[in-house]
N, C-alpha and C. Protein backbone atom coordinates (compact mmCIF):
# COMPACT_ATOMS: atom_id res chain seq x y z
N MET A 1 -23.36 8.42 0.01
CA MET A 1 -22.62 8.45 1.26
C MET A 1 -21.22 7.82 1.07
N LEU A 2 -21.18 6.68 0.36
CA LEU A 2 -19.88 6.04 0.12
C LEU A 2 -18.94 6.95 -0.67
N GLU A 3 -19.51 7.65 -1.65
CA GLU A 3 -18.69 8.57 -2.45
C GLU A 3 -18.14 9.71 -1.58
N ASN A 4 -18.97 10.26 -0.72
CA ASN A 4 -18.51 11.32 0.18
C ASN A 4 -17.42 10.82 1.12
N LEU A 5 -17.59 9.62 1.66
CA LEU A 5 -16.56 9.03 2.53
C LEU A 5 -15.27 8.83 1.75
N HIS A 6 -15.39 8.35 0.52
CA HIS A 6 -14.21 8.16 -0.32
C HIS A 6 -13.48 9.48 -0.54
N LEU A 7 -14.23 10.53 -0.89
CA LEU A 7 -13.61 11.83 -1.16
C LEU A 7 -12.97 12.42 0.10
N LEU A 8 -13.60 12.25 1.23
CA LEU A 8 -13.01 12.72 2.48
C LEU A 8 -11.71 11.97 2.78
N ARG A 9 -11.70 10.68 2.51
CA ARG A 9 -10.47 9.89 2.73
C ARG A 9 -9.37 10.34 1.75
N VAL A 10 -9.75 10.65 0.51
CA VAL A 10 -8.78 11.16 -0.47
C VAL A 10 -8.19 12.48 0.02
N LEU A 11 -9.02 13.36 0.55
CA LEU A 11 -8.52 14.64 1.09
C LEU A 11 -7.52 14.38 2.21
N PHE A 12 -7.85 13.45 3.10
CA PHE A 12 -6.93 13.10 4.20
C PHE A 12 -5.62 12.57 3.63
N MET A 13 -5.70 11.67 2.67
CA MET A 13 -4.49 11.06 2.11
C MET A 13 -3.62 12.11 1.43
N ARG A 14 -4.23 13.05 0.75
CA ARG A 14 -3.45 14.12 0.12
C ARG A 14 -2.79 14.99 1.18
N ARG A 15 -3.51 15.27 2.24
CA ARG A 15 -2.95 16.10 3.32
C ARG A 15 -1.76 15.42 3.97
N ILE A 16 -1.85 14.12 4.25
CA ILE A 16 -0.71 13.47 4.91
C ILE A 16 0.43 13.20 3.93
N SER A 17 0.11 13.17 2.62
CA SER A 17 1.19 13.00 1.64
C SER A 17 2.17 14.17 1.74
N GLU A 18 1.65 15.32 2.10
CA GLU A 18 2.50 16.50 2.25
C GLU A 18 3.42 16.36 3.45
N LYS A 19 3.00 15.61 4.45
CA LYS A 19 3.78 15.44 5.68
C LYS A 19 4.72 14.24 5.61
N SER A 20 4.46 13.34 4.69
CA SER A 20 5.22 12.10 4.61
C SER A 20 6.16 12.12 3.41
N PRO A 21 7.35 11.57 3.56
CA PRO A 21 8.26 11.49 2.42
C PRO A 21 7.87 10.37 1.45
N LEU A 22 6.82 9.64 1.76
CA LEU A 22 6.43 8.47 0.96
C LEU A 22 5.18 8.72 0.14
N HIS A 23 5.14 8.12 -1.05
CA HIS A 23 3.96 8.14 -1.89
C HIS A 23 3.23 6.81 -1.71
N PHE A 24 1.98 6.76 -2.16
CA PHE A 24 1.15 5.57 -1.95
C PHE A 24 1.85 4.28 -2.35
N GLY A 25 2.35 4.21 -3.58
CA GLY A 25 3.00 2.99 -4.06
C GLY A 25 4.25 2.63 -3.29
N GLN A 26 4.95 3.65 -2.83
CA GLN A 26 6.17 3.41 -2.07
C GLN A 26 5.85 2.79 -0.71
N VAL A 27 4.75 3.19 -0.12
CA VAL A 27 4.34 2.61 1.17
C VAL A 27 4.12 1.12 1.01
N ALA A 28 3.41 0.73 -0.04
CA ALA A 28 3.15 -0.68 -0.28
C ALA A 28 4.45 -1.46 -0.47
N ILE A 29 5.37 -0.89 -1.23
CA ILE A 29 6.66 -1.54 -1.46
C ILE A 29 7.45 -1.66 -0.17
N MET A 30 7.49 -0.59 0.60
CA MET A 30 8.25 -0.64 1.86
C MET A 30 7.64 -1.60 2.87
N MET A 31 6.31 -1.64 2.92
CA MET A 31 5.66 -2.60 3.82
C MET A 31 5.95 -4.03 3.38
N SER A 32 6.00 -4.24 2.08
CA SER A 32 6.32 -5.56 1.54
C SER A 32 7.75 -5.95 1.89
N ILE A 33 8.68 -5.00 1.78
CA ILE A 33 10.07 -5.27 2.15
C ILE A 33 10.16 -5.57 3.64
N GLU A 34 9.44 -4.80 4.44
CA GLU A 34 9.45 -5.03 5.89
C GLU A 34 8.93 -6.42 6.23
N GLU A 35 7.88 -6.82 5.53
CA GLU A 35 7.25 -8.12 5.75
C GLU A 35 8.13 -9.28 5.26
N HIS A 36 8.86 -9.03 4.17
CA HIS A 36 9.69 -10.08 3.53
C HIS A 36 11.12 -9.56 3.39
N GLU A 37 11.78 -9.38 4.51
CA GLU A 37 13.15 -8.85 4.53
C GLU A 37 14.06 -9.63 3.57
N ASN A 38 14.90 -8.93 2.85
CA ASN A 38 15.83 -9.50 1.87
C ASN A 38 15.14 -10.11 0.66
N CYS A 39 13.97 -9.59 0.32
CA CYS A 39 13.26 -10.05 -0.87
C CYS A 39 13.88 -9.38 -2.10
N THR A 40 13.43 -9.78 -3.26
CA THR A 40 13.90 -9.18 -4.51
C THR A 40 12.80 -8.28 -5.07
N GLN A 41 13.17 -7.48 -6.07
CA GLN A 41 12.18 -6.63 -6.74
C GLN A 41 11.11 -7.50 -7.40
N ALA A 42 11.51 -8.62 -7.95
CA ALA A 42 10.55 -9.54 -8.59
C ALA A 42 9.56 -10.08 -7.55
N ASP A 43 10.06 -10.38 -6.34
CA ASP A 43 9.17 -10.85 -5.27
C ASP A 43 8.10 -9.81 -4.96
N ILE A 44 8.54 -8.55 -4.88
CA ILE A 44 7.60 -7.47 -4.55
C ILE A 44 6.57 -7.31 -5.67
N ALA A 45 7.04 -7.30 -6.92
CA ALA A 45 6.13 -7.15 -8.06
C ALA A 45 5.06 -8.24 -8.04
N GLU A 46 5.47 -9.46 -7.77
CA GLU A 46 4.52 -10.56 -7.71
C GLU A 46 3.57 -10.41 -6.51
N HIS A 47 4.13 -10.08 -5.36
CA HIS A 47 3.33 -9.95 -4.14
C HIS A 47 2.28 -8.85 -4.25
N LEU A 48 2.65 -7.72 -4.88
CA LEU A 48 1.74 -6.58 -4.98
C LEU A 48 0.97 -6.54 -6.29
N ASN A 49 1.27 -7.51 -7.17
CA ASN A 49 0.57 -7.59 -8.46
C ASN A 49 0.78 -6.31 -9.29
N VAL A 50 2.04 -5.86 -9.35
CA VAL A 50 2.41 -4.70 -10.15
C VAL A 50 3.55 -5.10 -11.08
N THR A 51 3.90 -4.23 -12.00
CA THR A 51 4.95 -4.58 -12.96
C THR A 51 6.33 -4.47 -12.32
N PRO A 52 7.25 -5.33 -12.74
CA PRO A 52 8.63 -5.23 -12.24
C PRO A 52 9.24 -3.86 -12.53
N ALA A 53 8.87 -3.27 -13.66
CA ALA A 53 9.42 -1.95 -14.02
C ALA A 53 9.01 -0.88 -13.01
N SER A 54 7.75 -0.92 -12.57
CA SER A 54 7.30 0.09 -11.59
C SER A 54 8.00 -0.11 -10.25
N VAL A 55 8.25 -1.36 -9.88
CA VAL A 55 8.98 -1.64 -8.64
C VAL A 55 10.42 -1.16 -8.77
N ALA A 56 11.03 -1.38 -9.94
CA ALA A 56 12.41 -0.95 -10.15
C ALA A 56 12.55 0.56 -10.00
N ILE A 57 11.63 1.31 -10.59
CA ILE A 57 11.67 2.77 -10.50
C ILE A 57 11.50 3.22 -9.05
N SER A 58 10.52 2.64 -8.36
CA SER A 58 10.26 3.03 -6.97
C SER A 58 11.42 2.67 -6.05
N THR A 59 11.98 1.47 -6.23
CA THR A 59 13.09 1.08 -5.34
C THR A 59 14.33 1.92 -5.60
N LYS A 60 14.51 2.34 -6.83
CA LYS A 60 15.64 3.22 -7.14
C LYS A 60 15.49 4.55 -6.39
N ARG A 61 14.27 5.09 -6.41
CA ARG A 61 13.99 6.35 -5.69
C ARG A 61 14.14 6.16 -4.18
N LEU A 62 13.64 5.05 -3.68
CA LEU A 62 13.72 4.77 -2.24
C LEU A 62 15.17 4.60 -1.80
N GLN A 63 15.97 3.97 -2.64
CA GLN A 63 17.39 3.79 -2.32
C GLN A 63 18.10 5.14 -2.33
N LYS A 64 17.80 5.95 -3.33
CA LYS A 64 18.41 7.28 -3.44
C LYS A 64 18.05 8.14 -2.24
N ALA A 65 16.83 7.96 -1.71
CA ALA A 65 16.37 8.72 -0.54
C ALA A 65 16.92 8.16 0.76
N GLY A 66 17.64 7.02 0.68
CA GLY A 66 18.23 6.42 1.87
C GLY A 66 17.25 5.63 2.72
N LEU A 67 16.12 5.22 2.11
CA LEU A 67 15.09 4.50 2.86
C LEU A 67 15.21 2.98 2.75
N ILE A 68 15.88 2.50 1.69
CA ILE A 68 16.12 1.06 1.53
C ILE A 68 17.56 0.85 1.07
N THR A 69 18.02 -0.37 1.24
CA THR A 69 19.33 -0.76 0.70
C THR A 69 19.13 -1.93 -0.26
N LYS A 70 20.03 -2.00 -1.24
CA LYS A 70 20.04 -3.12 -2.17
C LYS A 70 21.39 -3.81 -1.99
N THR A 71 21.35 -5.11 -1.71
CA THR A 71 22.56 -5.89 -1.51
C THR A 71 22.62 -6.99 -2.56
N VAL A 72 23.77 -7.14 -3.19
CA VAL A 72 23.94 -8.18 -4.21
C VAL A 72 23.87 -9.55 -3.55
N ASP A 73 23.07 -10.43 -4.14
CA ASP A 73 22.92 -11.80 -3.65
C ASP A 73 24.21 -12.57 -3.93
N GLU A 74 24.73 -13.26 -2.93
CA GLU A 74 25.98 -13.99 -3.08
C GLU A 74 25.88 -15.13 -4.09
N ASP A 75 24.71 -15.74 -4.20
CA ASP A 75 24.52 -16.88 -5.10
C ASP A 75 24.19 -16.46 -6.53
N ASN A 76 23.66 -15.26 -6.70
CA ASN A 76 23.28 -14.76 -8.02
C ASN A 76 23.63 -13.28 -8.07
N LEU A 77 24.74 -12.95 -8.68
CA LEU A 77 25.25 -11.59 -8.67
C LEU A 77 24.34 -10.59 -9.40
N ARG A 78 23.43 -11.09 -10.24
CA ARG A 78 22.50 -10.19 -10.92
C ARG A 78 21.30 -9.85 -10.05
N CYS A 79 21.13 -10.58 -8.97
CA CYS A 79 19.98 -10.41 -8.08
C CYS A 79 20.35 -9.50 -6.91
N LYS A 80 19.47 -8.58 -6.60
CA LYS A 80 19.70 -7.69 -5.46
C LYS A 80 18.62 -7.92 -4.41
N ARG A 81 19.05 -8.01 -3.17
CA ARG A 81 18.14 -8.21 -2.03
C ARG A 81 17.84 -6.85 -1.41
N LEU A 82 16.60 -6.65 -1.01
CA LEU A 82 16.16 -5.36 -0.49
C LEU A 82 15.90 -5.42 1.01
N SER A 83 16.27 -4.35 1.69
CA SER A 83 15.94 -4.23 3.11
C SER A 83 15.75 -2.76 3.44
N LEU A 84 15.03 -2.52 4.51
CA LEU A 84 14.79 -1.15 4.96
C LEU A 84 15.98 -0.64 5.77
N THR A 85 16.29 0.64 5.62
CA THR A 85 17.29 1.27 6.49
C THR A 85 16.55 1.73 7.75
N SER A 86 17.28 2.19 8.73
CA SER A 86 16.62 2.69 9.94
C SER A 86 15.75 3.90 9.59
N GLU A 87 16.21 4.73 8.63
CA GLU A 87 15.40 5.87 8.19
C GLU A 87 14.13 5.38 7.49
N GLY A 88 14.25 4.29 6.74
CA GLY A 88 13.09 3.71 6.07
C GLY A 88 12.07 3.19 7.06
N ARG A 89 12.56 2.51 8.09
CA ARG A 89 11.65 2.01 9.14
C ARG A 89 10.94 3.16 9.83
N ALA A 90 11.68 4.22 10.12
CA ALA A 90 11.09 5.39 10.77
C ALA A 90 10.03 6.03 9.87
N ALA A 91 10.33 6.13 8.57
CA ALA A 91 9.39 6.74 7.62
C ALA A 91 8.10 5.93 7.51
N ILE A 92 8.23 4.61 7.41
CA ILE A 92 7.04 3.79 7.27
C ILE A 92 6.22 3.80 8.56
N ASN A 93 6.90 3.76 9.70
CA ASN A 93 6.18 3.82 10.99
C ASN A 93 5.47 5.15 11.16
N SER A 94 6.11 6.23 10.76
CA SER A 94 5.49 7.56 10.84
C SER A 94 4.26 7.62 9.95
N HIS A 95 4.38 7.10 8.75
CA HIS A 95 3.27 7.10 7.80
C HIS A 95 2.09 6.29 8.35
N ILE A 96 2.38 5.11 8.86
CA ILE A 96 1.33 4.25 9.41
C ILE A 96 0.68 4.91 10.62
N ASN A 97 1.49 5.55 11.46
CA ASN A 97 0.94 6.22 12.65
C ASN A 97 0.00 7.36 12.29
N LEU A 98 0.28 8.07 11.20
CA LEU A 98 -0.64 9.13 10.76
C LEU A 98 -2.01 8.54 10.45
N PHE A 99 -2.05 7.38 9.79
CA PHE A 99 -3.32 6.72 9.49
C PHE A 99 -3.99 6.22 10.77
N LYS A 100 -3.21 5.65 11.68
CA LYS A 100 -3.78 5.15 12.93
C LYS A 100 -4.40 6.28 13.74
N GLU A 101 -3.70 7.40 13.85
CA GLU A 101 -4.21 8.54 14.60
C GLU A 101 -5.51 9.07 13.98
N TYR A 102 -5.52 9.15 12.67
CA TYR A 102 -6.72 9.62 11.97
C TYR A 102 -7.89 8.68 12.24
N ASP A 103 -7.65 7.37 12.06
CA ASP A 103 -8.70 6.39 12.27
C ASP A 103 -9.18 6.38 13.72
N GLU A 104 -8.26 6.53 14.66
CA GLU A 104 -8.66 6.58 16.08
C GLU A 104 -9.58 7.76 16.33
N HIS A 105 -9.28 8.90 15.72
CA HIS A 105 -10.13 10.07 15.89
C HIS A 105 -11.49 9.86 15.23
N VAL A 106 -11.49 9.35 14.00
CA VAL A 106 -12.73 9.13 13.26
C VAL A 106 -13.66 8.16 14.00
N PHE A 107 -13.08 7.11 14.59
CA PHE A 107 -13.89 6.07 15.25
C PHE A 107 -13.96 6.22 16.76
N SER A 108 -13.57 7.36 17.28
CA SER A 108 -13.53 7.55 18.73
C SER A 108 -14.91 7.48 19.40
N ASP A 109 -15.96 7.77 18.65
CA ASP A 109 -17.31 7.73 19.22
C ASP A 109 -18.00 6.38 19.04
N PHE A 110 -17.26 5.39 18.49
CA PHE A 110 -17.82 4.07 18.24
C PHE A 110 -17.37 3.09 19.32
N SER A 111 -18.28 2.22 19.74
CA SER A 111 -17.90 1.13 20.63
C SER A 111 -17.18 0.06 19.80
N GLN A 112 -16.51 -0.87 20.46
CA GLN A 112 -15.84 -1.94 19.73
C GLN A 112 -16.85 -2.77 18.95
N GLU A 113 -18.01 -3.00 19.55
CA GLU A 113 -19.06 -3.77 18.87
C GLU A 113 -19.51 -3.05 17.59
N GLU A 114 -19.67 -1.73 17.65
CA GLU A 114 -20.06 -0.97 16.47
C GLU A 114 -18.97 -1.01 15.39
N LYS A 115 -17.71 -0.91 15.81
CA LYS A 115 -16.60 -0.99 14.85
C LYS A 115 -16.58 -2.36 14.17
N ASP A 116 -16.76 -3.41 14.96
CA ASP A 116 -16.78 -4.77 14.40
C ASP A 116 -17.94 -4.94 13.41
N GLN A 117 -19.09 -4.40 13.77
CA GLN A 117 -20.27 -4.49 12.92
C GLN A 117 -20.04 -3.71 11.61
N LEU A 118 -19.49 -2.51 11.73
CA LEU A 118 -19.20 -1.70 10.54
C LEU A 118 -18.20 -2.42 9.63
N PHE A 119 -17.16 -2.99 10.22
CA PHE A 119 -16.17 -3.73 9.44
C PHE A 119 -16.82 -4.89 8.70
N SER A 120 -17.72 -5.58 9.37
CA SER A 120 -18.43 -6.69 8.75
C SER A 120 -19.26 -6.21 7.56
N TYR A 121 -19.99 -5.11 7.74
CA TYR A 121 -20.80 -4.57 6.66
C TYR A 121 -19.94 -4.12 5.48
N LEU A 122 -18.86 -3.41 5.79
CA LEU A 122 -17.99 -2.92 4.73
C LEU A 122 -17.31 -4.07 3.98
N SER A 123 -16.96 -5.13 4.71
CA SER A 123 -16.37 -6.30 4.07
C SER A 123 -17.35 -6.95 3.10
N ARG A 124 -18.59 -7.02 3.50
CA ARG A 124 -19.62 -7.59 2.63
C ARG A 124 -19.85 -6.71 1.40
N ILE A 125 -19.89 -5.40 1.60
CA ILE A 125 -20.05 -4.47 0.47
C ILE A 125 -18.87 -4.61 -0.48
N SER A 126 -17.67 -4.64 0.08
CA SER A 126 -16.46 -4.77 -0.73
C SER A 126 -16.48 -6.06 -1.54
N ALA A 127 -16.85 -7.15 -0.91
CA ALA A 127 -16.90 -8.45 -1.61
C ALA A 127 -17.87 -8.40 -2.79
N LYS A 128 -19.03 -7.79 -2.60
CA LYS A 128 -20.02 -7.68 -3.68
C LYS A 128 -19.51 -6.77 -4.80
N MET A 129 -18.86 -5.66 -4.42
CA MET A 129 -18.32 -4.75 -5.43
C MET A 129 -17.19 -5.42 -6.22
N GLN A 130 -16.34 -6.19 -5.53
CA GLN A 130 -15.27 -6.92 -6.21
C GLN A 130 -15.87 -7.94 -7.18
N GLU A 131 -16.92 -8.61 -6.74
CA GLU A 131 -17.59 -9.60 -7.59
C GLU A 131 -18.12 -8.93 -8.86
N LEU A 132 -18.76 -7.78 -8.72
CA LEU A 132 -19.31 -7.06 -9.86
C LEU A 132 -18.23 -6.58 -10.82
N GLU A 133 -17.06 -6.24 -10.29
CA GLU A 133 -15.96 -5.73 -11.12
C GLU A 133 -15.01 -6.83 -11.59
N GLY A 134 -15.25 -8.06 -11.16
CA GLY A 134 -14.39 -9.17 -11.57
C GLY A 134 -13.01 -9.11 -10.93
N VAL A 135 -12.94 -8.59 -9.72
CA VAL A 135 -11.68 -8.48 -9.00
C VAL A 135 -11.56 -9.66 -8.05
N GLU A 136 -10.43 -10.38 -8.17
CA GLU A 136 -10.21 -11.53 -7.31
C GLU A 136 -9.29 -11.14 -6.16
N SER A 137 -9.69 -11.47 -4.95
CA SER A 137 -8.89 -11.18 -3.76
C SER A 137 -9.28 -12.15 -2.66
N ASP A 138 -8.29 -12.55 -1.88
CA ASP A 138 -8.59 -13.43 -0.76
C ASP A 138 -9.08 -12.64 0.45
N GLY A 139 -9.01 -11.31 0.37
CA GLY A 139 -9.48 -10.47 1.46
C GLY A 139 -8.50 -10.33 2.59
N GLU A 140 -7.39 -11.05 2.54
CA GLU A 140 -6.40 -11.03 3.62
C GLU A 140 -5.40 -9.89 3.49
N ASN A 141 -4.89 -9.68 2.28
CA ASN A 141 -3.85 -8.69 2.07
C ASN A 141 -4.45 -7.41 1.52
N VAL A 142 -4.75 -6.48 2.41
CA VAL A 142 -5.42 -5.24 2.04
C VAL A 142 -4.54 -4.40 1.11
N MET A 143 -3.24 -4.37 1.37
CA MET A 143 -2.34 -3.56 0.55
C MET A 143 -2.24 -4.13 -0.87
N GLU A 144 -2.24 -5.44 -0.99
CA GLU A 144 -2.20 -6.08 -2.32
C GLU A 144 -3.46 -5.72 -3.10
N LEU A 145 -4.61 -5.78 -2.44
CA LEU A 145 -5.86 -5.42 -3.10
C LEU A 145 -5.84 -3.96 -3.51
N ALA A 146 -5.35 -3.08 -2.66
CA ALA A 146 -5.27 -1.65 -2.98
C ALA A 146 -4.40 -1.42 -4.21
N CYS A 147 -3.26 -2.10 -4.28
CA CYS A 147 -2.38 -1.98 -5.45
C CYS A 147 -3.07 -2.48 -6.71
N GLN A 148 -3.74 -3.61 -6.59
CA GLN A 148 -4.45 -4.19 -7.72
C GLN A 148 -5.53 -3.23 -8.21
N LEU A 149 -6.26 -2.63 -7.30
CA LEU A 149 -7.33 -1.71 -7.68
C LEU A 149 -6.78 -0.43 -8.29
N MET A 150 -5.69 0.11 -7.72
CA MET A 150 -5.07 1.31 -8.27
C MET A 150 -4.58 1.05 -9.69
N LYS A 151 -3.98 -0.11 -9.90
CA LYS A 151 -3.49 -0.49 -11.23
C LYS A 151 -4.66 -0.56 -12.21
N ARG A 152 -5.76 -1.13 -11.78
CA ARG A 152 -6.94 -1.26 -12.62
C ARG A 152 -7.53 0.11 -12.95
N VAL A 153 -7.61 0.99 -11.95
CA VAL A 153 -8.13 2.34 -12.18
C VAL A 153 -7.24 3.08 -13.17
N GLN A 154 -5.92 2.95 -13.03
CA GLN A 154 -4.98 3.62 -13.94
C GLN A 154 -5.18 3.11 -15.38
N LYS A 155 -5.33 1.79 -15.53
CA LYS A 155 -5.56 1.23 -16.87
C LYS A 155 -6.84 1.78 -17.49
N GLU A 156 -7.90 1.82 -16.68
CA GLU A 156 -9.20 2.33 -17.17
C GLU A 156 -9.09 3.80 -17.54
N THR A 157 -8.35 4.57 -16.74
CA THR A 157 -8.16 5.99 -17.01
C THR A 157 -7.41 6.19 -18.31
N GLU A 158 -6.33 5.42 -18.51
CA GLU A 158 -5.55 5.52 -19.74
C GLU A 158 -6.37 5.10 -20.96
N LYS A 159 -7.17 4.07 -20.78
CA LYS A 159 -8.00 3.57 -21.89
C LYS A 159 -9.03 4.61 -22.32
N ASN A 160 -9.52 5.39 -21.38
CA ASN A 160 -10.57 6.37 -21.68
C ASN A 160 -10.04 7.73 -22.12
N LYS A 161 -8.72 7.87 -22.23
CA LYS A 161 -8.14 9.15 -22.67
C LYS A 161 -8.29 9.33 -24.16
């Protein structure tokens, strides 16, 4: 059942990727910039537990697309501060709203108590699965955990090629 739910969610994510100008990793970066306005690429890499090189590539693409700006830091001319443009804010809000609408439809037949109970069960399952895989997470930053897991899956995929 979990595998079927996962595959259905993957189908949804692929479908909305066609509607959104953002890719999975870019969403995490843009949400991080929104959360920490005027942060650096190094801040994002640390926050999302990804390589600085991957952040550099993504931010270059996001800047070229007009979704973020890079401003030279007055105190350190080699450092660039990142912020979202109005187009970037609109893109991230649109992307998030697609997920919210989908989730609202999926859970429309559930009471709040049932949703809370399901969340509790899924949190417990996730904690046990993380324990078995040796994944450390405080459980608070869902996007950070998603980035960490995607990075781990990519490493495992490359290792098995």
